[in-house]
Amino acid sequence: MAAVGTLAAELAFFSEKRAEWLVHYDGKFVLIKDRALLGTYSTQAEAIQAGLEKLGNVPFLVKQVLGVEPIAISPALVLGLIHAHS
């Protein structure tokens, strides 16, 4: 996938629409390109496949619509195998 900077418009659009989409698409995966919703899907794999079919091999955003963002945990950081510096 592309760097976050490349998907800034898509992430901003998702953020703006998230509350509205929770009502209609809670738990679904949305496919976003630029500032457009191109579809909703039951699985991440379906959304990625649709993105590739519709758009080709270009950056696009697939994100699950959830009320609370999941927290990503890095086992290497938790176990002390790597160190975070602030």
PDB file of N, CA and C in Angstrom:
ATOM      1  N   MET A   1       0.842  -1.182   0.000  1.00  0.00           N
ATOM      2  CA  MET A   1       0.000   0.000   0.000  1.00  0.00           C
ATOM      3  C   MET A   1       0.886   1.243   0.000  1.00  0.00           C
ATOM      4  N   ALA A   2       0.303   2.346  -0.306  1.00  0.00           N
ATOM      5  CA  ALA A   2       1.044   3.599  -0.425  1.00  0.00           C
ATOM      6  C   ALA A   2       1.278   4.232   0.944  1.00  0.00           C
ATOM      7  N   ALA A   3       2.174   5.184   0.971  1.00  0.00           N
ATOM      8  CA  ALA A   3       2.452   5.910   2.193  1.00  0.00           C
ATOM      9  C   ALA A   3       1.217   6.706   2.616  1.00  0.00           C
ATOM     10  N   VAL A   4       1.106   6.969   3.909  1.00  0.00           N
ATOM     11  CA  VAL A   4      -0.065   7.672   4.434  1.00  0.00           C
ATOM     12  C   VAL A   4      -0.252   9.026   3.771  1.00  0.00           C
ATOM     13  N   GLY A   5       0.827   9.761   3.499  1.00  0.00           N
ATOM     14  CA  GLY A   5       0.721  11.060   2.850  1.00  0.00           C
ATOM     15  C   GLY A   5      -0.009  10.983   1.526  1.00  0.00           C
ATOM     16  N   THR A   6       0.186   9.896   0.808  1.00  0.00           N
ATOM     17  CA  THR A   6      -0.476   9.688  -0.469  1.00  0.00           C
ATOM     18  C   THR A   6      -1.981   9.538  -0.282  1.00  0.00           C
ATOM     19  N   LEU A   7      -2.398   9.004   0.837  1.00  0.00           N
ATOM     20  CA  LEU A   7      -3.810   8.744   1.087  1.00  0.00           C
ATOM     21  C   LEU A   7      -4.447   9.773   2.028  1.00  0.00           C
ATOM     22  N   ALA A   8      -3.847  10.945   2.135  1.00  0.00           N
ATOM     23  CA  ALA A   8      -4.343  11.975   3.057  1.00  0.00           C
ATOM     24  C   ALA A   8      -5.784  12.368   2.748  1.00  0.00           C
ATOM     25  N   ALA A   9      -6.121  12.547   1.483  1.00  0.00           N
ATOM     26  CA  ALA A   9      -7.492  12.937   1.105  1.00  0.00           C
ATOM     27  C   ALA A   9      -8.478  11.833   1.459  1.00  0.00           C
ATOM     28  N   GLU A  10      -8.098  10.587   1.227  1.00  0.00           N
ATOM     29  CA  GLU A  10      -8.969   9.455   1.532  1.00  0.00           C
ATOM     30  C   GLU A  10      -9.195   9.329   3.044  1.00  0.00           C
ATOM     31  N   LEU A  11      -8.122   9.477   3.816  1.00  0.00           N
ATOM     32  CA  LEU A  11      -8.238   9.390   5.275  1.00  0.00           C
ATOM     33  C   LEU A  11      -9.083  10.527   5.837  1.00  0.00           C
ATOM     34  N   ALA A  12      -8.919  11.728   5.302  1.00  0.00           N
ATOM     35  CA  ALA A  12      -9.720  12.872   5.744  1.00  0.00           C
ATOM     36  C   ALA A  12     -11.198  12.640   5.414  1.00  0.00           C
ATOM     37  N   PHE A  13     -11.472  12.145   4.219  1.00  0.00           N
ATOM     38  CA  PHE A  13     -12.843  11.856   3.802  1.00  0.00           C
ATOM     39  C   PHE A  13     -13.469  10.806   4.714  1.00  0.00           C
ATOM     40  N   PHE A  14     -12.716   9.746   5.009  1.00  0.00           N
ATOM     41  CA  PHE A  14     -13.202   8.698   5.916  1.00  0.00           C
ATOM     42  C   PHE A  14     -13.546   9.305   7.270  1.00  0.00           C
ATOM     43  N   SER A  15     -12.671  10.138   7.777  1.00  0.00           N
ATOM     44  CA  SER A  15     -12.869  10.780   9.081  1.00  0.00           C
ATOM     45  C   SER A  15     -14.140  11.628   9.095  1.00  0.00           C
ATOM     46  N   GLU A  16     -14.368  12.373   8.027  1.00  0.00           N
ATOM     47  CA  GLU A  16     -15.550  13.227   7.922  1.00  0.00           C
ATOM     48  C   GLU A  16     -16.843  12.416   7.860  1.00  0.00           C
ATOM     49  N   LYS A  17     -16.806  11.276   7.205  1.00  0.00           N
ATOM     50  CA  LYS A  17     -18.011  10.485   6.951  1.00  0.00           C
ATOM     51  C   LYS A  17     -18.243   9.361   7.962  1.00  0.00           C
ATOM     52  N   ARG A  18     -17.279   9.102   8.817  1.00  0.00           N
ATOM     53  CA  ARG A  18     -17.324   7.936   9.698  1.00  0.00           C
ATOM     54  C   ARG A  18     -18.607   7.843  10.516  1.00  0.00           C
ATOM     55  N   ALA A  19     -19.021   8.911  11.168  1.00  0.00           N
ATOM     56  CA  ALA A  19     -20.235   8.873  11.997  1.00  0.00           C
ATOM     57  C   ALA A  19     -21.461   8.513  11.156  1.00  0.00           C
ATOM     58  N   GLU A  20     -21.570   9.107   9.989  1.00  0.00           N
ATOM     59  CA  GLU A  20     -22.687   8.815   9.079  1.00  0.00           C
ATOM     60  C   GLU A  20     -22.642   7.359   8.617  1.00  0.00           C
ATOM     61  N   TRP A  21     -21.446   6.899   8.252  1.00  0.00           N
ATOM     62  CA  TRP A  21     -21.312   5.537   7.752  1.00  0.00           C
ATOM     63  C   TRP A  21     -21.531   4.487   8.832  1.00  0.00           C
ATOM     64  N   LEU A  22     -21.261   4.827  10.097  1.00  0.00           N
ATOM     65  CA  LEU A  22     -21.517   3.877  11.182  1.00  0.00           C
ATOM     66  C   LEU A  22     -22.976   3.458  11.216  1.00  0.00           C
ATOM     67  N   VAL A  23     -23.861   4.372  10.893  1.00  0.00           N
ATOM     68  CA  VAL A  23     -25.301   4.088  10.894  1.00  0.00           C
ATOM     69  C   VAL A  23     -25.644   3.052   9.821  1.00  0.00           C
ATOM     70  N   HIS A  24     -25.012   3.162   8.659  1.00  0.00           N
ATOM     71  CA  HIS A  24     -25.370   2.317   7.517  1.00  0.00           C
ATOM     72  C   HIS A  24     -24.409   1.150   7.273  1.00  0.00           C
ATOM     73  N   TYR A  25     -23.134   1.325   7.610  1.00  0.00           N
ATOM     74  CA  TYR A  25     -22.111   0.354   7.208  1.00  0.00           C
ATOM     75  C   TYR A  25     -21.276  -0.169   8.367  1.00  0.00           C
ATOM     76  N   ASP A  26     -21.802  -0.170   9.571  1.00  0.00           N
ATOM     77  CA  ASP A  26     -21.042  -0.608  10.740  1.00  0.00           C
ATOM     78  C   ASP A  26     -20.431  -1.995  10.512  1.00  0.00           C
ATOM     79  N   GLY A  27     -19.120  -2.078  10.651  1.00  0.00           N
ATOM     80  CA  GLY A  27     -18.404  -3.336  10.487  1.00  0.00           C
ATOM     81  C   GLY A  27     -17.989  -3.649   9.059  1.00  0.00           C
ATOM     82  N   LYS A  28     -18.522  -2.933   8.104  1.00  0.00           N
ATOM     83  CA  LYS A  28     -18.179  -3.156   6.690  1.00  0.00           C
ATOM     84  C   LYS A  28     -16.842  -2.494   6.350  1.00  0.00           C
ATOM     85  N   PHE A  29     -16.270  -2.898   5.244  1.00  0.00           N
ATOM     86  CA  PHE A  29     -15.048  -2.291   4.726  1.00  0.00           C
ATOM     87  C   PHE A  29     -15.425  -1.374   3.573  1.00  0.00           C
ATOM     88  N   VAL A  30     -14.942  -0.134   3.631  1.00  0.00           N
ATOM     89  CA  VAL A  30     -15.238   0.827   2.571  1.00  0.00           C
ATOM     90  C   VAL A  30     -14.028   0.957   1.649  1.00  0.00           C
ATOM     91  N   LEU A  31     -14.323   1.181   0.386  1.00  0.00           N
ATOM     92  CA  LEU A  31     -13.310   1.416  -0.636  1.00  0.00           C
ATOM     93  C   LEU A  31     -13.398   2.884  -1.023  1.00  0.00           C
ATOM     94  N   ILE A  32     -12.294   3.624  -0.830  1.00  0.00           N
ATOM     95  CA  ILE A  32     -12.277   5.066  -1.072  1.00  0.00           C
ATOM     96  C   ILE A  32     -11.126   5.420  -1.999  1.00  0.00           C
ATOM     97  N   LYS A  33     -11.415   6.259  -2.968  1.00  0.00           N
ATOM     98  CA  LYS A  33     -10.395   6.839  -3.849  1.00  0.00           C
ATOM     99  C   LYS A  33     -10.691   8.313  -3.952  1.00  0.00           C
ATOM    100  N   ASP A  34      -9.656   9.125  -3.743  1.00  0.00           N
ATOM    101  CA  ASP A  34      -9.808  10.571  -3.672  1.00  0.00           C
ATOM    102  C   ASP A  34     -10.838  10.862  -2.572  1.00  0.00           C
ATOM    103  N   ARG A  35     -11.887  11.550  -2.866  1.00  0.00           N
ATOM    104  CA  ARG A  35     -12.915  11.832  -1.855  1.00  0.00           C
ATOM    105  C   ARG A  35     -14.235  11.196  -2.287  1.00  0.00           C
ATOM    106  N   ALA A  36     -14.150   9.938  -2.723  1.00  0.00           N
ATOM    107  CA  ALA A  36     -15.340   9.238  -3.185  1.00  0.00           C
ATOM    108  C   ALA A  36     -15.416   7.840  -2.582  1.00  0.00           C
ATOM    109  N   LEU A  37     -16.612   7.481  -2.126  1.00  0.00           N
ATOM    110  CA  LEU A  37     -16.883   6.131  -1.661  1.00  0.00           C
ATOM    111  C   LEU A  37     -17.238   5.288  -2.881  1.00  0.00           C
ATOM    112  N   LEU A  38     -16.412   4.282  -3.163  1.00  0.00           N
ATOM    113  CA  LEU A  38     -16.631   3.461  -4.356  1.00  0.00           C
ATOM    114  C   LEU A  38     -17.384   2.170  -4.060  1.00  0.00           C
ATOM    115  N   GLY A  39     -17.531   1.832  -2.777  1.00  0.00           N
ATOM    116  CA  GLY A  39     -18.278   0.631  -2.438  1.00  0.00           C
ATOM    117  C   GLY A  39     -18.050   0.216  -1.004  1.00  0.00           C
ATOM    118  N   THR A  40     -18.943  -0.686  -0.532  1.00  0.00           N
ATOM    119  CA  THR A  40     -18.809  -1.273   0.796  1.00  0.00           C
ATOM    120  C   THR A  40     -18.791  -2.792   0.642  1.00  0.00           C
ATOM    121  N   TYR A  41     -18.025  -3.457   1.509  1.00  0.00           N
ATOM    122  CA  TYR A  41     -17.798  -4.890   1.358  1.00  0.00           C
ATOM    123  C   TYR A  41     -17.774  -5.568   2.725  1.00  0.00           C
ATOM    124  N   SER A  42     -18.097  -6.839   2.729  1.00  0.00           N
ATOM    125  CA  SER A  42     -18.123  -7.606   3.975  1.00  0.00           C
ATOM    126  C   SER A  42     -16.738  -7.955   4.481  1.00  0.00           C
ATOM    127  N   THR A  43     -15.786  -8.110   3.562  1.00  0.00           N
ATOM    128  CA  THR A  43     -14.433  -8.468   3.976  1.00  0.00           C
ATOM    129  C   THR A  43     -13.410  -7.516   3.360  1.00  0.00           C
ATOM    130  N   GLN A  44     -12.267  -7.452   4.009  1.00  0.00           N
ATOM    131  CA  GLN A  44     -11.175  -6.633   3.497  1.00  0.00           C
ATOM    132  C   GLN A  44     -10.711  -7.155   2.138  1.00  0.00           C
ATOM    133  N   ALA A  45     -10.640  -8.468   1.999  1.00  0.00           N
ATOM    134  CA  ALA A  45     -10.189  -9.068   0.743  1.00  0.00           C
ATOM    135  C   ALA A  45     -11.113  -8.686  -0.417  1.00  0.00           C
ATOM    136  N   GLU A  46     -12.426  -8.701  -0.191  1.00  0.00           N
ATOM    137  CA  GLU A  46     -13.381  -8.304  -1.238  1.00  0.00           C
ATOM    138  C   GLU A  46     -13.168  -6.849  -1.640  1.00  0.00           C
ATOM    139  N   ALA A  47     -12.938  -5.980  -0.655  1.00  0.00           N
ATOM    140  CA  ALA A  47     -12.743  -4.554  -0.931  1.00  0.00           C
ATOM    141  C   ALA A  47     -11.460  -4.319  -1.715  1.00  0.00           C
ATOM    142  N   ILE A  48     -10.399  -5.004  -1.348  1.00  0.00           N
ATOM    143  CA  ILE A  48      -9.124  -4.861  -2.069  1.00  0.00           C
ATOM    144  C   ILE A  48      -9.265  -5.366  -3.494  1.00  0.00           C
ATOM    145  N   GLN A  49      -9.902  -6.511  -3.669  1.00  0.00           N
ATOM    146  CA  GLN A  49     -10.111  -7.068  -5.007  1.00  0.00           C
ATOM    147  C   GLN A  49     -10.920  -6.105  -5.870  1.00  0.00           C
ATOM    148  N   ALA A  50     -11.975  -5.533  -5.301  1.00  0.00           N
ATOM    149  CA  ALA A  50     -12.790  -4.573  -6.050  1.00  0.00           C
ATOM    150  C   ALA A  50     -11.974  -3.340  -6.417  1.00  0.00           C
ATOM    151  N   GLY A  51     -11.139  -2.875  -5.505  1.00  0.00           N
ATOM    152  CA  GLY A  51     -10.293  -1.722  -5.785  1.00  0.00           C
ATOM    153  C   GLY A  51      -9.340  -1.985  -6.926  1.00  0.00           C
ATOM    154  N   LEU A  52      -8.744  -3.157  -6.926  1.00  0.00           N
ATOM    155  CA  LEU A  52      -7.823  -3.515  -8.010  1.00  0.00           C
ATOM    156  C   LEU A  52      -8.558  -3.631  -9.345  1.00  0.00           C
ATOM    157  N   GLU A  53      -9.759  -4.213  -9.319  1.00  0.00           N
ATOM    158  CA  GLU A  53     -10.540  -4.355 -10.551  1.00  0.00           C
ATOM    159  C   GLU A  53     -11.016  -2.999 -11.081  1.00  0.00           C
ATOM    160  N   LYS A  54     -11.464  -2.122 -10.186  1.00  0.00           N
ATOM    161  CA  LYS A  54     -12.009  -0.826 -10.596  1.00  0.00           C
ATOM    162  C   LYS A  54     -10.926   0.196 -10.944  1.00  0.00           C
ATOM    163  N   LEU A  55      -9.822   0.157 -10.180  1.00  0.00           N
ATOM    164  CA  LEU A  55      -8.833   1.229 -10.277  1.00  0.00           C
ATOM    165  C   LEU A  55      -7.478   0.799 -10.811  1.00  0.00           C
ATOM    166  N   GLY A  56      -7.196  -0.477 -10.735  1.00  0.00           N
ATOM    167  CA  GLY A  56      -5.872  -0.951 -11.129  1.00  0.00           C
ATOM    168  C   GLY A  56      -4.898  -0.843  -9.957  1.00  0.00           C
ATOM    169  N   ASN A  57      -3.636  -0.948 -10.267  1.00  0.00           N
ATOM    170  CA  ASN A  57      -2.593  -0.948  -9.247  1.00  0.00           C
ATOM    171  C   ASN A  57      -2.171   0.479  -8.901  1.00  0.00           C
ATOM    172  N   VAL A  58      -3.083   1.193  -8.233  1.00  0.00           N
ATOM    173  CA  VAL A  58      -2.842   2.564  -7.781  1.00  0.00           C
ATOM    174  C   VAL A  58      -3.220   2.629  -6.298  1.00  0.00           C
ATOM    175  N   PRO A  59      -2.743   3.648  -5.592  1.00  0.00           N
ATOM    176  CA  PRO A  59      -3.116   3.761  -4.180  1.00  0.00           C
ATOM    177  C   PRO A  59      -4.615   4.026  -4.012  1.00  0.00           C
ATOM    178  N   PHE A  60      -5.236   3.293  -3.098  1.00  0.00           N
ATOM    179  CA  PHE A  60      -6.612   3.517  -2.694  1.00  0.00           C
ATOM    180  C   PHE A  60      -6.730   3.061  -1.246  1.00  0.00           C
ATOM    181  N   LEU A  61      -7.784   3.501  -0.585  1.00  0.00           N
ATOM    182  CA  LEU A  61      -7.945   3.187   0.834  1.00  0.00           C
ATOM    183  C   LEU A  61      -9.053   2.172   1.028  1.00  0.00           C
ATOM    184  N   VAL A  62      -8.753   1.137   1.807  1.00  0.00           N
ATOM    185  CA  VAL A  62      -9.747   0.187   2.286  1.00  0.00           C
ATOM    186  C   VAL A  62      -9.681   0.256   3.806  1.00  0.00           C
ATOM    187  N   LYS A  63     -10.810   0.578   4.429  1.00  0.00           N
ATOM    188  CA  LYS A  63     -10.820   0.755   5.878  1.00  0.00           C
ATOM    189  C   LYS A  63     -12.136   0.253   6.436  1.00  0.00           C
ATOM    190  N   GLN A  64     -12.063  -0.399   7.586  1.00  0.00           N
ATOM    191  CA  GLN A  64     -13.273  -0.899   8.222  1.00  0.00           C
ATOM    192  C   GLN A  64     -13.944   0.218   9.007  1.00  0.00           C
ATOM    193  N   VAL A  65     -15.260   0.276   8.901  1.00  0.00           N
ATOM    194  CA  VAL A  65     -16.049   1.281   9.610  1.00  0.00           C
ATOM    195  C   VAL A  65     -16.375   0.723  10.997  1.00  0.00           C
ATOM    196  N   LEU A  66     -15.738   1.301  12.001  1.00  0.00           N
ATOM    197  CA  LEU A  66     -15.927   0.869  13.378  1.00  0.00           C
ATOM    198  C   LEU A  66     -16.142   2.081  14.275  1.00  0.00           C
ATOM    199  N   GLY A  67     -16.859   1.906  15.360  1.00  0.00           N
ATOM    200  CA  GLY A  67     -17.087   2.992  16.299  1.00  0.00           C
ATOM    201  C   GLY A  67     -15.825   3.389  17.033  1.00  0.00           C
ATOM    202  N   VAL A  68     -14.967   2.422  17.295  1.00  0.00           N
ATOM    203  CA  VAL A  68     -13.703   2.664  17.989  1.00  0.00           C
ATOM    204  C   VAL A  68     -12.586   2.053  17.159  1.00  0.00           C
ATOM    205  N   GLU A  69     -11.550   2.837  16.898  1.00  0.00           N
ATOM    206  CA  GLU A  69     -10.405   2.336  16.136  1.00  0.00           C
ATOM    207  C   GLU A  69      -9.667   1.275  16.946  1.00  0.00           C
ATOM    208  N   PRO A  70      -9.336   0.153  16.336  1.00  0.00           N
ATOM    209  CA  PRO A  70      -8.566  -0.866  17.054  1.00  0.00           C
ATOM    210  C   PRO A  70      -7.150  -0.360  17.355  1.00  0.00           C
ATOM    211  N   ILE A  71      -6.597  -0.838  18.445  1.00  0.00           N
ATOM    212  CA  ILE A  71      -5.247  -0.458  18.831  1.00  0.00           C
ATOM    213  C   ILE A  71      -4.285  -1.508  18.287  1.00  0.00           C
ATOM    214  N   ALA A  72      -3.287  -1.042  17.549  1.00  0.00           N
ATOM    215  CA  ALA A  72      -2.281  -1.953  17.012  1.00  0.00           C
ATOM    216  C   ALA A  72      -1.185  -2.131  18.054  1.00  0.00           C
ATOM    217  N   ILE A  73      -0.837  -3.374  18.307  1.00  0.00           N
ATOM    218  CA  ILE A  73       0.222  -3.674  19.269  1.00  0.00           C
ATOM    219  C   ILE A  73       1.350  -4.373  18.535  1.00  0.00           C
ATOM    220  N   SER A  74       2.556  -3.895  18.774  1.00  0.00           N
ATOM    221  CA  SER A  74       3.729  -4.508  18.176  1.00  0.00           C
ATOM    222  C   SER A  74       4.359  -5.447  19.200  1.00  0.00           C
ATOM    223  N   PRO A  75       4.263  -6.759  18.986  1.00  0.00           N
ATOM    224  CA  PRO A  75       4.831  -7.693  19.955  1.00  0.00           C
ATOM    225  C   PRO A  75       6.315  -7.445  20.232  1.00  0.00           C
ATOM    226  N   ALA A  76       7.069  -7.055  19.221  1.00  0.00           N
ATOM    227  CA  ALA A  76       8.500  -6.809  19.428  1.00  0.00           C
ATOM    228  C   ALA A  76       8.703  -5.653  20.408  1.00  0.00           C
ATOM    229  N   LEU A  77       7.856  -4.632  20.330  1.00  0.00           N
ATOM    230  CA  LEU A  77       7.964  -3.505  21.247  1.00  0.00           C
ATOM    231  C   LEU A  77       7.539  -3.927  22.662  1.00  0.00           C
ATOM    232  N   VAL A  78       6.454  -4.648  22.755  1.00  0.00           N
ATOM    233  CA  VAL A  78       5.949  -5.098  24.057  1.00  0.00           C
ATOM    234  C   VAL A  78       6.956  -6.007  24.746  1.00  0.00           C
ATOM    235  N   LEU A  79       7.602  -6.876  23.997  1.00  0.00           N
ATOM    236  CA  LEU A  79       8.560  -7.818  24.567  1.00  0.00           C
ATOM    237  C   LEU A  79       9.942  -7.205  24.773  1.00  0.00           C
ATOM    238  N   GLY A  80      10.107  -5.955  24.382  1.00  0.00           N
ATOM    239  CA  GLY A  80      11.386  -5.298  24.590  1.00  0.00           C
ATOM    240  C   GLY A  80      12.443  -5.643  23.554  1.00  0.00           C
ATOM    241  N   LEU A  81      12.028  -6.220  22.432  1.00  0.00           N
ATOM    242  CA  LEU A  81      12.990  -6.580  21.387  1.00  0.00           C
ATOM    243  C   LEU A  81      13.411  -5.368  20.581  1.00  0.00           C
ATOM    244  N   ILE A  82      12.539  -4.344  20.553  1.00  0.00           N
ATOM    245  CA  ILE A  82      12.894  -3.061  19.941  1.00  0.00           C
ATOM    246  C   ILE A  82      12.511  -1.973  20.937  1.00  0.00           C
ATOM    247  N   HIS A  83      13.006  -0.782  20.757  1.00  0.00           N
ATOM    248  CA  HIS A  83      12.727   0.315  21.677  1.00  0.00           C
ATOM    249  C   HIS A  83      12.188   1.508  20.906  1.00  0.00           C
ATOM    250  N   ALA A  84      11.161   2.131  21.475  1.00  0.00           N
ATOM    251  CA  ALA A  84      10.607   3.347  20.893  1.00  0.00           C
ATOM    252  C   ALA A  84      11.276   4.556  21.552  1.00  0.00           C
ATOM    253  N   HIS A  85      11.693   5.497  20.750  1.00  0.00           N
ATOM    254  CA  HIS A  85      12.293   6.714  21.272  1.00  0.00           C
ATOM    255  C   HIS A  85      11.392   7.886  20.937  1.00  0.00           C
ATOM    256  N   SER A  86      11.154   8.747  21.922  1.00  0.00           N
ATOM    257  CA  SER A  86      10.294   9.910  21.647  1.00  0.00           C
ATOM    258  C   SER A  86      11.109  11.156  21.485  1.00  0.00           C
TER     259      SER A  86
END
